[in-house]
Amino acid sequence: MDTTKARIQGNALVVTIPKSLGVEPSTEYRFSKESDGSLKLTPTKKVPETMTKLFKGWHGKDK
């Protein structure tokens, strides 16, 4: 497990996400602090829950 320290940068507190987690630059997240003190990051773009929802509105090309 990787570890990181929070640091001050200007008027913000910054935590670095290791590259090994594969997060793309400019990915936008909502964050929340859980009751146990842990921080939770959730992507703002919703991920479809089913294949049907993923392909809703898609009409593939016939070959």
Protein backbone atom coordinates (compact mmCIF):
# COMPACT_ATOMS: atom_id res chain seq x y z
CA MET A 1 0.00 0.00 0.00
CA ASP A 2 1.31 3.41 -0.98
CA THR A 3 1.27 6.24 1.53
CA THR A 4 1.24 9.99 1.06
CA LYS A 5 1.20 13.09 3.26
CA ALA A 6 -1.14 16.04 3.02
CA ARG A 7 0.70 19.30 2.40
CA ILE A 8 -0.24 22.95 2.16
CA GLN A 9 -0.16 24.58 -1.28
CA GLY A 10 -1.44 28.16 -1.22
CA ASN A 11 -4.79 28.13 0.57
CA ALA A 12 -5.40 24.43 -0.15
CA LEU A 13 -4.45 21.13 1.43
CA VAL A 14 -3.07 18.78 -1.25
CA VAL A 15 -2.78 14.98 -1.28
CA THR A 16 -0.84 13.35 -4.13
CA ILE A 17 -2.35 10.34 -5.91
CA PRO A 18 0.34 7.83 -6.94
CA LYS A 19 0.64 7.13 -10.71
CA SER A 20 0.38 3.42 -9.93
CA LEU A 21 -3.38 3.92 -9.37
CA GLY A 22 -3.85 4.83 -13.03
CA VAL A 23 -5.83 8.04 -12.52
CA GLU A 24 -5.91 10.18 -15.66
CA PRO A 25 -4.81 13.83 -15.36
CA SER A 26 -7.73 16.30 -15.19
CA THR A 27 -10.11 13.64 -13.85
CA GLU A 28 -12.74 15.45 -11.79
CA TYR A 29 -13.93 14.06 -8.46
CA ARG A 30 -16.39 14.84 -5.71
CA PHE A 31 -14.97 14.23 -2.28
CA SER A 32 -16.44 13.51 1.11
CA LYS A 33 -15.16 12.79 4.58
CA GLU A 34 -16.54 9.57 6.02
CA SER A 35 -17.57 9.12 9.66
CA ASP A 36 -14.37 7.15 10.34
CA GLY A 37 -12.26 10.07 9.04
CA SER A 38 -11.39 8.48 5.70
CA LEU A 39 -11.67 10.57 2.54
CA LYS A 40 -13.73 9.27 -0.38
CA LEU A 41 -13.20 10.39 -3.99
CA THR A 42 -16.00 9.72 -6.50
CA PRO A 43 -15.65 10.51 -10.22
CA THR A 44 -18.16 13.16 -11.29
CA LYS A 45 -18.88 11.29 -14.53
CA LYS A 46 -21.33 8.51 -13.78
CA VAL A 47 -20.29 5.04 -14.90
CA PRO A 48 -23.18 3.07 -16.46
CA GLU A 49 -24.40 0.28 -14.17
CA THR A 50 -25.35 -2.17 -16.94
CA MET A 51 -24.35 -2.95 -20.53
CA THR A 52 -27.83 -1.83 -21.63
CA LYS A 53 -27.31 1.61 -20.07
CA LEU A 54 -23.78 1.78 -21.50
CA PHE A 55 -25.01 1.28 -25.06
CA LYS A 56 -28.32 3.16 -24.77
CA GLY A 57 -28.81 5.24 -27.91
CA TRP A 58 -25.95 3.54 -29.78
CA HIS A 59 -26.73 2.17 -33.21
CA GLY A 60 -23.77 0.23 -34.51
CA LYS A 61 -22.78 0.08 -38.16
CA ASP A 62 -23.51 -3.11 -40.13
CA LYS A 63 -20.46 -4.58 -41.79
